[in-house]
Amino acid sequence: MTEPKRMGKGFLALFGLIGLLFIAILIVVFQISRKANPVMLDDQGHPQHTRPS
């Protein structure tokens, strides 16, 4: 009877680690995207002049 409880704790720990990994990846991608400086292109592929944000 203790075997299912032990397996349940293992799955819960694994699920928690996967969740933390997912959140860490989201934070890293967010930080990288803030540093990026994208250039908007028009239909011909020329840079558009936009206001700095």
PDB file of N, CA and C in Angstrom:
ATOM      1  N   MET A   1       0.816  -1.196   0.000  1.00  0.00           N
ATOM      2  CA  MET A   1       0.000   0.000   0.000  1.00  0.00           C
ATOM      3  C   MET A   1       0.859   1.258   0.000  1.00  0.00           C
ATOM      4  N   THR A   2       2.085   1.170   0.429  1.00  0.00           N
ATOM      5  CA  THR A   2       2.945   2.355   0.419  1.00  0.00           C
ATOM      6  C   THR A   2       3.557   2.591  -0.955  1.00  0.00           C
ATOM      7  N   GLU A   3       3.541   1.598  -1.830  1.00  0.00           N
ATOM      8  CA  GLU A   3       4.154   1.734  -3.162  1.00  0.00           C
ATOM      9  C   GLU A   3       3.455   2.807  -4.015  1.00  0.00           C
ATOM     10  N   PRO A   4       2.127   2.841  -4.111  1.00  0.00           N
ATOM     11  CA  PRO A   4       1.495   3.906  -4.923  1.00  0.00           C
ATOM     12  C   PRO A   4       1.764   5.305  -4.386  1.00  0.00           C
ATOM     13  N   LYS A   5       1.835   5.457  -3.068  1.00  0.00           N
ATOM     14  CA  LYS A   5       2.111   6.780  -2.508  1.00  0.00           C
ATOM     15  C   LYS A   5       3.520   7.229  -2.874  1.00  0.00           C
ATOM     16  N   ARG A   6       4.473   6.312  -2.842  1.00  0.00           N
ATOM     17  CA  ARG A   6       5.854   6.648  -3.179  1.00  0.00           C
ATOM     18  C   ARG A   6       5.957   7.035  -4.657  1.00  0.00           C
ATOM     19  N   MET A   7       5.237   6.297  -5.518  1.00  0.00           N
ATOM     20  CA  MET A   7       5.252   6.623  -6.941  1.00  0.00           C
ATOM     21  C   MET A   7       4.595   7.984  -7.188  1.00  0.00           C
ATOM     22  N   GLY A   8       3.550   8.273  -6.435  1.00  0.00           N
ATOM     23  CA  GLY A   8       2.868   9.557  -6.581  1.00  0.00           C
ATOM     24  C   GLY A   8       3.775  10.716  -6.216  1.00  0.00           C
ATOM     25  N   LYS A   9       4.575  10.561  -5.187  1.00  0.00           N
ATOM     26  CA  LYS A   9       5.514  11.611  -4.801  1.00  0.00           C
ATOM     27  C   LYS A   9       6.590  11.793  -5.858  1.00  0.00           C
ATOM     28  N   GLY A  10       7.012  10.692  -6.457  1.00  0.00           N
ATOM     29  CA  GLY A  10       8.013  10.779  -7.524  1.00  0.00           C
ATOM     30  C   GLY A  10       7.474  11.525  -8.730  1.00  0.00           C
ATOM     31  N   PHE A  11       6.236  11.214  -9.118  1.00  0.00           N
ATOM     32  CA  PHE A  11       5.633  11.918 -10.250  1.00  0.00           C
ATOM     33  C   PHE A  11       5.429  13.392  -9.934  1.00  0.00           C
ATOM     34  N   LEU A  12       5.054  13.686  -8.720  1.00  0.00           N
ATOM     35  CA  LEU A  12       4.853  15.076  -8.325  1.00  0.00           C
ATOM     36  C   LEU A  12       6.175  15.843  -8.356  1.00  0.00           C
ATOM     37  N   ALA A  13       7.249  15.207  -7.886  1.00  0.00           N
ATOM     38  CA  ALA A  13       8.564  15.855  -7.921  1.00  0.00           C
ATOM     39  C   ALA A  13       9.023  16.054  -9.363  1.00  0.00           C
ATOM     40  N   LEU A  14       8.815  15.051 -10.211  1.00  0.00           N
ATOM     41  CA  LEU A  14       9.185  15.171 -11.620  1.00  0.00           C
ATOM     42  C   LEU A  14       8.386  16.283 -12.297  1.00  0.00           C
ATOM     43  N   PHE A  15       7.101  16.343 -12.010  1.00  0.00           N
ATOM     44  CA  PHE A  15       6.250  17.392 -12.573  1.00  0.00           C
ATOM     45  C   PHE A  15       6.714  18.771 -12.109  1.00  0.00           C
ATOM     46  N   GLY A  16       7.102  18.889 -10.848  1.00  0.00           N
ATOM     47  CA  GLY A  16       7.597  20.164 -10.325  1.00  0.00           C
ATOM     48  C   GLY A  16       8.892  20.586 -10.991  1.00  0.00           C
ATOM     49  N   LEU A  17       9.811  19.630 -11.201  1.00  0.00           N
ATOM     50  CA  LEU A  17      11.070  19.955 -11.869  1.00  0.00           C
ATOM     51  C   LEU A  17      10.839  20.383 -13.317  1.00  0.00           C
ATOM     52  N   ILE A  18       9.940  19.707 -14.000  1.00  0.00           N
ATOM     53  CA  ILE A  18       9.628  20.095 -15.383  1.00  0.00           C
ATOM     54  C   ILE A  18       8.995  21.480 -15.410  1.00  0.00           C
ATOM     55  N   GLY A  19       8.135  21.780 -14.457  1.00  0.00           N
ATOM     56  CA  GLY A  19       7.526  23.105 -14.378  1.00  0.00           C
ATOM     57  C   GLY A  19       8.562  24.192 -14.130  1.00  0.00           C
ATOM     58  N   LEU A  20       9.500  23.922 -13.217  1.00  0.00           N
ATOM     59  CA  LEU A  20      10.553  24.902 -12.948  1.00  0.00           C
ATOM     60  C   LEU A  20      11.445  25.107 -14.164  1.00  0.00           C
ATOM     61  N   LEU A  21      11.750  24.028 -14.873  1.00  0.00           N
ATOM     62  CA  LEU A  21      12.549  24.141 -16.095  1.00  0.00           C
ATOM     63  C   LEU A  21      11.826  24.983 -17.137  1.00  0.00           C
ATOM     64  N   PHE A  22      10.531  24.768 -17.298  1.00  0.00           N
ATOM     65  CA  PHE A  22       9.743  25.542 -18.256  1.00  0.00           C
ATOM     66  C   PHE A  22       9.739  27.021 -17.898  1.00  0.00           C
ATOM     67  N   ILE A  23       9.552  27.341 -16.630  1.00  0.00           N
ATOM     68  CA  ILE A  23       9.546  28.740 -16.192  1.00  0.00           C
ATOM     69  C   ILE A  23      10.916  29.371 -16.396  1.00  0.00           C
ATOM     70  N   ALA A  24      11.985  28.622 -16.114  1.00  0.00           N
ATOM     71  CA  ALA A  24      13.340  29.142 -16.320  1.00  0.00           C
ATOM     72  C   ALA A  24      13.591  29.438 -17.787  1.00  0.00           C
ATOM     73  N   ILE A  25      13.127  28.551 -18.681  1.00  0.00           N
ATOM     74  CA  ILE A  25      13.291  28.792 -20.121  1.00  0.00           C
ATOM     75  C   ILE A  25      12.522  30.033 -20.539  1.00  0.00           C
ATOM     76  N   LEU A  26      11.314  30.212 -20.023  1.00  0.00           N
ATOM     77  CA  LEU A  26      10.526  31.408 -20.351  1.00  0.00           C
ATOM     78  C   LEU A  26      11.244  32.679 -19.913  1.00  0.00           C
ATOM     79  N   ILE A  27      11.836  32.667 -18.738  1.00  0.00           N
ATOM     80  CA  ILE A  27      12.539  33.849 -18.235  1.00  0.00           C
ATOM     81  C   ILE A  27      13.753  34.153 -19.096  1.00  0.00           C
ATOM     82  N   VAL A  28      14.520  33.127 -19.468  1.00  0.00           N
ATOM     83  CA  VAL A  28      15.709  33.336 -20.303  1.00  0.00           C
ATOM     84  C   VAL A  28      15.311  33.885 -21.666  1.00  0.00           C
ATOM     85  N   VAL A  29      14.278  33.322 -22.279  1.00  0.00           N
ATOM     86  CA  VAL A  29      13.834  33.799 -23.589  1.00  0.00           C
ATOM     87  C   VAL A  29      13.323  35.235 -23.495  1.00  0.00           C
ATOM     88  N   PHE A  30      12.635  35.570 -22.418  1.00  0.00           N
ATOM     89  CA  PHE A  30      12.155  36.932 -22.233  1.00  0.00           C
ATOM     90  C   PHE A  30      13.316  37.914 -22.131  1.00  0.00           C
ATOM     91  N   GLN A  31      14.341  37.557 -21.364  1.00  0.00           N
ATOM     92  CA  GLN A  31      15.500  38.431 -21.221  1.00  0.00           C
ATOM     93  C   GLN A  31      16.226  38.614 -22.560  1.00  0.00           C
ATOM     94  N   ILE A  32      16.368  37.547 -23.328  1.00  0.00           N
ATOM     95  CA  ILE A  32      17.031  37.642 -24.637  1.00  0.00           C
ATOM     96  C   ILE A  32      16.204  38.503 -25.588  1.00  0.00           C
ATOM     97  N   SER A  33      14.884  38.345 -25.557  1.00  0.00           N
ATOM     98  CA  SER A  33      14.039  39.117 -26.471  1.00  0.00           C
ATOM     99  C   SER A  33      14.041  40.606 -26.125  1.00  0.00           C
ATOM    100  N   ARG A  34      14.240  40.953 -24.863  1.00  0.00           N
ATOM    101  CA  ARG A  34      14.311  42.380 -24.498  1.00  0.00           C
ATOM    102  C   ARG A  34      15.582  43.023 -25.037  1.00  0.00           C
ATOM    103  N   LYS A  35      16.667  42.236 -25.149  1.00  0.00           N
ATOM    104  CA  LYS A  35      17.925  42.767 -25.656  1.00  0.00           C
ATOM    105  C   LYS A  35      17.932  42.848 -27.183  1.00  0.00           C
ATOM    106  N   ALA A  36      17.054  42.106 -27.844  1.00  0.00           N
ATOM    107  CA  ALA A  36      17.031  42.081 -29.311  1.00  0.00           C
ATOM    108  C   ALA A  36      16.551  43.426 -29.850  1.00  0.00           C
ATOM    109  N   ASN A  37      17.022  43.779 -31.027  1.00  0.00           N
ATOM    110  CA  ASN A  37      16.622  45.023 -31.670  1.00  0.00           C
ATOM    111  C   ASN A  37      16.073  44.687 -33.057  1.00  0.00           C
ATOM    112  N   PRO A  38      14.812  44.255 -33.137  1.00  0.00           N
ATOM    113  CA  PRO A  38      14.267  43.839 -34.430  1.00  0.00           C
ATOM    114  C   PRO A  38      14.067  45.027 -35.366  1.00  0.00           C
ATOM    115  N   VAL A  39      14.171  44.763 -36.664  1.00  0.00           N
ATOM    116  CA  VAL A  39      13.961  45.775 -37.687  1.00  0.00           C
ATOM    117  C   VAL A  39      12.756  45.351 -38.513  1.00  0.00           C
ATOM    118  N   MET A  40      11.750  46.218 -38.567  1.00  0.00           N
ATOM    119  CA  MET A  40      10.561  45.919 -39.356  1.00  0.00           C
ATOM    120  C   MET A  40      10.854  46.203 -40.827  1.00  0.00           C
ATOM    121  N   LEU A  41      10.438  45.264 -41.699  1.00  0.00           N
ATOM    122  CA  LEU A  41      10.667  45.404 -43.131  1.00  0.00           C
ATOM    123  C   LEU A  41       9.339  45.630 -43.833  1.00  0.00           C
ATOM    124  N   ASP A  42       9.368  46.395 -44.937  1.00  0.00           N
ATOM    125  CA  ASP A  42       8.166  46.581 -45.731  1.00  0.00           C
ATOM    126  C   ASP A  42       8.032  45.418 -46.722  1.00  0.00           C
ATOM    127  N   ASP A  43       7.103  45.546 -47.686  1.00  0.00           N
ATOM    128  CA  ASP A  43       6.842  44.461 -48.630  1.00  0.00           C
ATOM    129  C   ASP A  43       8.033  44.159 -49.531  1.00  0.00           C
ATOM    130  N   GLN A  44       8.870  45.135 -49.803  1.00  0.00           N
ATOM    131  CA  GLN A  44      10.027  44.941 -50.670  1.00  0.00           C
ATOM    132  C   GLN A  44      11.282  44.527 -49.877  1.00  0.00           C
ATOM    133  N   GLY A  45      11.192  44.434 -48.575  1.00  0.00           N
ATOM    134  CA  GLY A  45      12.329  44.023 -47.757  1.00  0.00           C
ATOM    135  C   GLY A  45      13.205  45.166 -47.297  1.00  0.00           C
ATOM    136  N   HIS A  46      12.744  46.411 -47.465  1.00  0.00           N
ATOM    137  CA  HIS A  46      13.499  47.568 -47.004  1.00  0.00           C
ATOM    138  C   HIS A  46      13.092  47.910 -45.577  1.00  0.00           C
ATOM    139  N   PRO A  47      14.029  48.365 -44.753  1.00  0.00           N
ATOM    140  CA  PRO A  47      13.676  48.718 -43.373  1.00  0.00           C
ATOM    141  C   PRO A  47      12.683  49.862 -43.320  1.00  0.00           C
ATOM    142  N   GLN A  48      11.714  49.752 -42.443  1.00  0.00           N
ATOM    143  CA  GLN A  48      10.748  50.830 -42.233  1.00  0.00           C
ATOM    144  C   GLN A  48      11.291  51.754 -41.150  1.00  0.00           C
ATOM    145  N   HIS A  49      11.001  53.025 -41.285  1.00  0.00           N
ATOM    146  CA  HIS A  49      11.407  53.991 -40.277  1.00  0.00           C
ATOM    147  C   HIS A  49      10.299  54.050 -39.235  1.00  0.00           C
ATOM    148  N   THR A  50      10.621  53.582 -38.039  1.00  0.00           N
ATOM    149  CA  THR A  50       9.638  53.575 -36.956  1.00  0.00           C
ATOM    150  C   THR A  50      10.165  54.385 -35.789  1.00  0.00           C
ATOM    151  N   ARG A  51       9.257  54.711 -34.908  1.00  0.00           N
ATOM    152  CA  ARG A  51       9.627  55.431 -33.694  1.00  0.00           C
ATOM    153  C   ARG A  51      10.358  54.489 -32.750  1.00  0.00           C
ATOM    154  N   PRO A  52      11.372  54.972 -32.078  1.00  0.00           N
ATOM    155  CA  PRO A  52      11.996  54.118 -31.056  1.00  0.00           C
ATOM    156  C   PRO A  52      11.033  53.924 -29.894  1.00  0.00           C
ATOM    157  N   SER A  53      10.970  52.716 -29.366  1.00  0.00           N
ATOM    158  CA  SER A  53      10.034  52.443 -28.267  1.00  0.00           C
ATOM    159  C   SER A  53      10.713  52.534 -26.931  1.00  0.00           C
TER     160      SER A  53
END
